[in-house]
Amino acid sequence: MFSVCTHRSSAESASLAGSSSRIAILRPLSVENLDSGAARAYGEIRATLEGKGRLIGNNDLWIGAHAMALDVTLATNNEREFKRIAGLSVENWTK
């Protein structure tokens, strides 16, 4: 995730000041490996959401499953989709 955000920041030449602050926020965060616990959570969450007809995007599903497996709070401004995952703690830091 840090690599994706860093690349996006450097590619957006119009917002150089914003890219520095995003990198500063992300730098102290650790990068956790995607493991079998996340894969299990993915399968469970996907089956549940499909059964309800409320599936979210595949990448968001992996992100949510990884957060659930690690038992961490997910910081996002995409509350609408991530709140569909039962038991996932979500915080919007943009508000």
N, C-alpha and C. Protein backbone atom coordinates (compact mmCIF):
# COMPACT_ATOMS: atom_id res chain seq x y z
N MET A 1 0.84 -1.18 0.00
CA MET A 1 0.00 0.00 0.00
C MET A 1 0.88 1.25 0.00
N PHE A 2 1.95 1.25 0.80
CA PHE A 2 2.83 2.41 0.83
C PHE A 2 3.38 2.68 -0.56
N SER A 3 3.78 1.63 -1.28
CA SER A 3 4.32 1.80 -2.63
C SER A 3 3.30 2.39 -3.57
N VAL A 4 2.04 1.93 -3.48
CA VAL A 4 0.99 2.45 -4.34
C VAL A 4 0.76 3.92 -4.05
N CYS A 5 0.65 4.27 -2.78
CA CYS A 5 0.41 5.67 -2.41
C CYS A 5 1.58 6.56 -2.79
N THR A 6 2.79 6.07 -2.60
CA THR A 6 3.98 6.84 -2.95
C THR A 6 4.03 7.07 -4.45
N HIS A 7 3.74 6.04 -5.24
CA HIS A 7 3.76 6.18 -6.69
C HIS A 7 2.69 7.17 -7.15
N ARG A 8 1.49 7.04 -6.60
CA ARG A 8 0.43 7.98 -6.98
C ARG A 8 0.83 9.40 -6.62
N SER A 9 1.45 9.57 -5.47
CA SER A 9 1.85 10.90 -5.04
C SER A 9 2.87 11.51 -5.99
N SER A 10 3.86 10.72 -6.39
CA SER A 10 4.89 11.26 -7.27
C SER A 10 4.35 11.48 -8.68
N ALA A 11 3.35 10.73 -9.07
CA ALA A 11 2.76 10.89 -10.40
C ALA A 11 1.85 12.10 -10.50
N GLU A 12 1.38 12.59 -9.37
CA GLU A 12 0.48 13.75 -9.36
C GLU A 12 1.30 15.02 -9.15
N SER A 13 1.94 15.47 -10.19
CA SER A 13 2.83 16.63 -10.07
C SER A 13 2.10 17.89 -9.66
N ALA A 14 0.81 17.97 -9.88
CA ALA A 14 0.05 19.17 -9.52
C ALA A 14 -0.14 19.32 -8.02
N SER A 15 0.05 18.25 -7.27
CA SER A 15 -0.18 18.34 -5.82
C SER A 15 1.06 17.92 -5.04
N LEU A 16 2.17 18.56 -5.31
CA LEU A 16 3.43 18.20 -4.66
C LEU A 16 3.38 18.38 -3.15
N ALA A 17 2.74 19.42 -2.67
CA ALA A 17 2.65 19.63 -1.23
C ALA A 17 1.86 18.51 -0.58
N GLY A 18 0.80 18.08 -1.22
CA GLY A 18 -0.02 16.99 -0.70
C GLY A 18 0.72 15.68 -0.68
N SER A 19 1.58 15.44 -1.68
CA SER A 19 2.30 14.17 -1.73
C SER A 19 3.28 14.05 -0.58
N SER A 20 3.92 15.13 -0.20
CA SER A 20 4.86 15.09 0.92
C SER A 20 4.15 14.74 2.21
N SER A 21 2.97 15.31 2.42
CA SER A 21 2.25 15.01 3.65
C SER A 21 1.73 13.58 3.66
N ARG A 22 1.30 13.05 2.50
CA ARG A 22 0.84 11.66 2.45
C ARG A 22 1.99 10.71 2.76
N ILE A 23 3.15 10.97 2.21
CA ILE A 23 4.31 10.12 2.46
C ILE A 23 4.69 10.19 3.93
N ALA A 24 4.65 11.37 4.52
CA ALA A 24 4.99 11.52 5.94
C ALA A 24 4.03 10.74 6.82
N ILE A 25 2.76 10.69 6.46
CA ILE A 25 1.78 9.94 7.24
C ILE A 25 2.02 8.44 7.11
N LEU A 26 2.33 7.97 5.91
CA LEU A 26 2.47 6.54 5.66
C LEU A 26 3.81 5.96 6.11
N ARG A 27 4.85 6.76 6.14
CA ARG A 27 6.19 6.25 6.42
C ARG A 27 6.29 5.43 7.71
N PRO A 28 5.71 5.85 8.84
CA PRO A 28 5.88 5.07 10.07
C PRO A 28 5.02 3.81 10.15
N LEU A 29 4.18 3.57 9.18
CA LEU A 29 3.30 2.40 9.21
C LEU A 29 4.05 1.15 8.76
N SER A 30 3.70 0.02 9.36
CA SER A 30 4.34 -1.24 8.96
C SER A 30 3.56 -1.87 7.82
N VAL A 31 4.24 -2.69 7.05
CA VAL A 31 3.61 -3.43 5.96
C VAL A 31 3.49 -4.88 6.42
N GLU A 32 2.27 -5.39 6.45
CA GLU A 32 2.01 -6.75 6.93
C GLU A 32 1.78 -7.68 5.74
N ASN A 33 2.33 -8.87 5.83
CA ASN A 33 2.16 -9.86 4.77
C ASN A 33 0.73 -10.38 4.72
N LEU A 34 0.29 -10.68 3.52
CA LEU A 34 -1.01 -11.31 3.32
C LEU A 34 -0.82 -12.80 3.57
N ASP A 35 -1.53 -13.34 4.56
CA ASP A 35 -1.32 -14.73 4.94
C ASP A 35 -2.58 -15.57 4.78
N SER A 36 -2.52 -16.81 5.25
CA SER A 36 -3.67 -17.71 5.11
C SER A 36 -4.87 -17.23 5.92
N GLY A 37 -4.64 -16.51 7.01
CA GLY A 37 -5.75 -15.96 7.79
C GLY A 37 -6.54 -14.95 6.97
N ALA A 38 -5.83 -14.14 6.20
CA ALA A 38 -6.49 -13.16 5.33
C ALA A 38 -7.24 -13.87 4.21
N ALA A 39 -6.66 -14.95 3.69
CA ALA A 39 -7.32 -15.71 2.62
C ALA A 39 -8.61 -16.34 3.14
N ARG A 40 -8.57 -16.88 4.36
CA ARG A 40 -9.78 -17.45 4.96
C ARG A 40 -10.84 -16.37 5.16
N ALA A 41 -10.41 -15.22 5.70
CA ALA A 41 -11.35 -14.12 5.92
C ALA A 41 -11.96 -13.66 4.60
N TYR A 42 -11.13 -13.61 3.56
CA TYR A 42 -11.62 -13.22 2.23
C TYR A 42 -12.75 -14.15 1.79
N GLY A 43 -12.52 -15.45 1.89
CA GLY A 43 -13.53 -16.41 1.47
C GLY A 43 -14.83 -16.28 2.25
N GLU A 44 -14.71 -16.12 3.56
CA GLU A 44 -15.89 -15.99 4.41
C GLU A 44 -16.66 -14.71 4.09
N ILE A 45 -15.93 -13.60 3.97
CA ILE A 45 -16.58 -12.31 3.71
C ILE A 45 -17.23 -12.32 2.32
N ARG A 46 -16.50 -12.82 1.34
CA ARG A 46 -17.04 -12.86 -0.03
C ARG A 46 -18.33 -13.69 -0.09
N ALA A 47 -18.31 -14.87 0.53
CA ALA A 47 -19.49 -15.73 0.52
C ALA A 47 -20.67 -15.04 1.20
N THR A 48 -20.40 -14.38 2.31
CA THR A 48 -21.47 -13.68 3.04
C THR A 48 -22.05 -12.55 2.21
N LEU A 49 -21.18 -11.72 1.63
CA LEU A 49 -21.67 -10.58 0.85
C LEU A 49 -22.37 -11.02 -0.43
N GLU A 50 -21.85 -12.06 -1.08
CA GLU A 50 -22.52 -12.58 -2.28
C GLU A 50 -23.91 -13.10 -1.92
N GLY A 51 -24.01 -13.79 -0.79
CA GLY A 51 -25.30 -14.32 -0.35
C GLY A 51 -26.33 -13.23 -0.10
N LYS A 52 -25.85 -12.06 0.31
CA LYS A 52 -26.74 -10.92 0.56
C LYS A 52 -26.94 -10.06 -0.68
N GLY A 53 -26.20 -10.38 -1.76
CA GLY A 53 -26.26 -9.55 -2.97
C GLY A 53 -25.66 -8.17 -2.76
N ARG A 54 -24.64 -8.08 -1.87
CA ARG A 54 -24.04 -6.79 -1.53
C ARG A 54 -22.51 -6.83 -1.67
N LEU A 55 -22.03 -7.52 -2.69
CA LEU A 55 -20.59 -7.68 -2.92
C LEU A 55 -19.92 -6.33 -3.15
N ILE A 56 -18.70 -6.19 -2.65
CA ILE A 56 -17.91 -4.97 -2.87
C ILE A 56 -16.80 -5.30 -3.87
N GLY A 57 -16.05 -4.29 -4.28
CA GLY A 57 -14.96 -4.49 -5.24
C GLY A 57 -13.94 -5.49 -4.73
N ASN A 58 -13.34 -6.25 -5.64
CA ASN A 58 -12.40 -7.31 -5.28
C ASN A 58 -11.22 -6.80 -4.47
N ASN A 59 -10.62 -5.68 -4.88
CA ASN A 59 -9.48 -5.14 -4.12
C ASN A 59 -9.91 -4.70 -2.73
N ASP A 60 -11.07 -4.04 -2.63
CA ASP A 60 -11.57 -3.63 -1.32
C ASP A 60 -11.87 -4.84 -0.45
N LEU A 61 -12.33 -5.90 -1.06
CA LEU A 61 -12.60 -7.13 -0.33
C LEU A 61 -11.31 -7.69 0.28
N TRP A 62 -10.23 -7.69 -0.50
CA TRP A 62 -8.94 -8.15 0.03
C TRP A 62 -8.44 -7.24 1.15
N ILE A 63 -8.58 -5.94 0.97
CA ILE A 63 -8.14 -4.99 2.00
C ILE A 63 -8.92 -5.22 3.29
N GLY A 64 -10.23 -5.35 3.17
CA GLY A 64 -11.06 -5.59 4.35
C GLY A 64 -10.74 -6.92 5.02
N ALA A 65 -10.54 -7.96 4.22
CA ALA A 65 -10.21 -9.28 4.77
C ALA A 65 -8.88 -9.24 5.50
N HIS A 66 -7.91 -8.53 4.95
CA HIS A 66 -6.60 -8.42 5.58
C HIS A 66 -6.73 -7.69 6.92
N ALA A 67 -7.49 -6.61 6.95
CA ALA A 67 -7.71 -5.87 8.20
C ALA A 67 -8.41 -6.76 9.23
N MET A 68 -9.40 -7.52 8.80
CA MET A 68 -10.10 -8.43 9.72
C MET A 68 -9.15 -9.48 10.28
N ALA A 69 -8.33 -10.07 9.43
CA ALA A 69 -7.39 -11.11 9.86
C ALA A 69 -6.38 -10.57 10.86
N LEU A 70 -5.99 -9.31 10.68
CA LEU A 70 -5.02 -8.69 11.59
C LEU A 70 -5.69 -8.08 12.82
N ASP A 71 -7.03 -8.03 12.82
CA ASP A 71 -7.80 -7.43 13.90
C ASP A 71 -7.39 -5.98 14.13
N VAL A 72 -7.36 -5.21 13.03
CA VAL A 72 -7.00 -3.80 13.09
C VAL A 72 -8.13 -2.94 12.55
N THR A 73 -8.08 -1.66 12.87
CA THR A 73 -9.04 -0.70 12.34
C THR A 73 -8.56 -0.25 10.97
N LEU A 74 -9.48 -0.18 10.02
CA LEU A 74 -9.17 0.24 8.65
C LEU A 74 -9.47 1.72 8.50
N ALA A 75 -8.47 2.51 8.14
CA ALA A 75 -8.65 3.94 7.88
C ALA A 75 -8.96 4.10 6.39
N THR A 76 -10.12 4.67 6.09
CA THR A 76 -10.56 4.82 4.69
C THR A 76 -11.60 5.92 4.59
N ASN A 77 -11.73 6.49 3.40
CA ASN A 77 -12.86 7.40 3.18
C ASN A 77 -13.95 6.68 2.37
N ASN A 78 -13.79 5.39 2.17
CA ASN A 78 -14.77 4.58 1.46
C ASN A 78 -15.60 3.78 2.47
N GLU A 79 -16.23 4.49 3.38
CA GLU A 79 -17.02 3.83 4.42
C GLU A 79 -18.19 3.04 3.84
N ARG A 80 -18.78 3.54 2.77
CA ARG A 80 -19.98 2.93 2.20
C ARG A 80 -19.76 1.45 1.89
N GLU A 81 -18.64 1.11 1.27
CA GLU A 81 -18.39 -0.29 0.94
C GLU A 81 -17.87 -1.08 2.13
N PHE A 82 -16.90 -0.53 2.85
CA PHE A 82 -16.27 -1.30 3.92
C PHE A 82 -17.21 -1.57 5.09
N LYS A 83 -18.22 -0.73 5.29
CA LYS A 83 -19.18 -0.99 6.37
C LYS A 83 -20.07 -2.19 6.08
N ARG A 84 -20.03 -2.70 4.87
CA ARG A 84 -20.78 -3.92 4.54
C ARG A 84 -20.13 -5.16 5.16
N ILE A 85 -18.87 -5.05 5.56
CA ILE A 85 -18.15 -6.18 6.15
C ILE A 85 -18.44 -6.20 7.65
N ALA A 86 -19.23 -7.16 8.07
CA ALA A 86 -19.63 -7.27 9.47
C ALA A 86 -18.41 -7.46 10.37
N GLY A 87 -18.33 -6.67 11.42
CA GLY A 87 -17.26 -6.80 12.39
C GLY A 87 -16.00 -6.02 12.06
N LEU A 88 -15.92 -5.42 10.88
CA LEU A 88 -14.74 -4.64 10.50
C LEU A 88 -14.82 -3.26 11.13
N SER A 89 -13.78 -2.88 11.84
CA SER A 89 -13.70 -1.55 12.43
C SER A 89 -13.17 -0.58 11.38
N VAL A 90 -13.94 0.48 11.11
CA VAL A 90 -13.61 1.44 10.06
C VAL A 90 -13.57 2.85 10.64
N GLU A 91 -12.54 3.61 10.28
CA GLU A 91 -12.44 5.03 10.65
C GLU A 91 -12.17 5.85 9.41
N ASN A 92 -12.85 6.99 9.32
CA ASN A 92 -12.62 7.91 8.21
C ASN A 92 -11.80 9.08 8.74
N TRP A 93 -10.54 9.14 8.34
CA TRP A 93 -9.64 10.19 8.82
C TRP A 93 -9.79 11.48 8.03
N THR A 94 -10.63 11.48 7.00
CA THR A 94 -10.81 12.70 6.20
C THR A 94 -11.90 13.60 6.75
N LYS A 95 -12.64 13.14 7.74
CA LYS A 95 -13.73 13.94 8.31
C LYS A 95 -13.25 14.72 9.51
